Protein backbone atom coordinates (compact mmCIF):
# COMPACT_ATOMS: atom_id res chain seq x y z
CA UNK A 1 -28.84 1.31 -71.21
CA UNK A 2 -27.98 3.18 -74.37
CA UNK A 3 -28.41 1.67 -77.78
CA UNK A 4 -25.46 0.48 -79.82
CA UNK A 5 -24.03 1.44 -83.21
CA UNK A 6 -26.16 -1.13 -85.05
CA UNK A 7 -29.39 0.50 -83.85
CA UNK A 8 -27.98 3.91 -84.77
CA UNK A 9 -27.29 2.78 -88.34
CA UNK A 10 -30.81 1.39 -88.79
CA UNK A 11 -32.76 4.09 -86.97
CA UNK A 12 -31.02 7.22 -88.09
CA UNK A 13 -29.76 9.99 -85.85
CA UNK A 14 -33.08 11.49 -84.72
CA UNK A 15 -34.83 8.19 -84.00
CA UNK A 16 -31.69 6.90 -82.27
CA UNK A 17 -31.58 9.93 -79.95
CA UNK A 18 -35.29 9.50 -79.14
CA UNK A 19 -34.73 5.82 -78.34
CA UNK A 20 -31.77 6.74 -76.09
CA UNK A 21 -33.89 9.31 -74.24
CA UNK A 22 -36.65 6.76 -73.70
CA UNK A 23 -34.17 4.17 -72.41
CA UNK A 24 -32.61 6.69 -70.03
CA UNK A 25 -35.95 7.84 -68.59
CA UNK A 26 -37.31 4.32 -68.19
CA UNK A 27 -34.09 3.17 -66.53
CA UNK A 28 -34.29 6.05 -64.10
CA UNK A 29 -37.90 5.25 -63.24
CA UNK A 30 -37.06 1.60 -62.60
CA UNK A 31 -34.17 2.38 -60.26
CA UNK A 32 -36.28 4.96 -58.39
CA UNK A 33 -39.07 2.44 -57.93
CA UNK A 34 -36.67 -0.13 -56.46
CA UNK A 35 -35.37 2.43 -53.98
CA UNK A 36 -38.90 3.39 -52.89
CA UNK A 37 -39.94 -0.24 -52.43
CA UNK A 38 -36.81 -0.87 -50.35
CA UNK A 39 -37.59 2.12 -48.14
CA UNK A 40 -41.20 1.01 -47.77
CA UNK A 41 -40.09 -2.48 -46.77
CA UNK A 42 -37.63 -1.07 -44.21
CA UNK A 43 -40.42 1.03 -42.66
CA UNK A 44 -42.74 -1.99 -42.57
CA UNK A 45 -40.10 -4.13 -40.83
CA UNK A 46 -39.47 -1.40 -38.25
CA UNK A 47 -43.22 -1.03 -37.68
CA UNK A 48 -43.50 -4.79 -37.08
CA UNK A 49 -40.42 -5.01 -34.85
CA UNK A 50 -41.64 -2.19 -32.60
CA UNK A 51 -44.95 -4.00 -32.14
CA UNK A 52 -43.46 -7.47 -31.76
CA UNK A 53 -45.08 -8.76 -34.93
CA UNK A 54 -43.46 -10.86 -37.65
CA UNK A 55 -42.77 -8.92 -40.85
CA UNK A 56 -43.88 -11.87 -42.98
CA UNK A 57 -47.15 -13.73 -42.51
CA UNK A 58 -46.75 -16.95 -40.52
CA UNK A 59 -47.04 -20.31 -42.21
CA UNK A 60 -46.47 -21.55 -45.69
CA UNK A 61 -49.37 -19.83 -47.40
CA UNK A 62 -49.26 -18.29 -50.85
CA UNK A 63 -48.55 -14.78 -49.53
CA UNK A 64 -45.68 -16.03 -47.31
CA UNK A 65 -44.08 -17.83 -50.26
CA UNK A 66 -44.51 -14.74 -52.45
CA UNK A 67 -42.90 -12.43 -49.88
CA UNK A 68 -39.95 -14.72 -49.11
């Protein structure tokens, strides 16, 4: 997400560009992390299915509620 005109007026050109670069890099890292977690989860589910195991722990324990 890039910063708006108000931030540009208060920060100045150089600081504004630095803030935009930071926002762009951090946004890219976040989206990449989500993709990697999704791939990891898909591999875990496949691993469990092939072995006949449930992907989530059975019961209503803390871990099961967290994963649901």
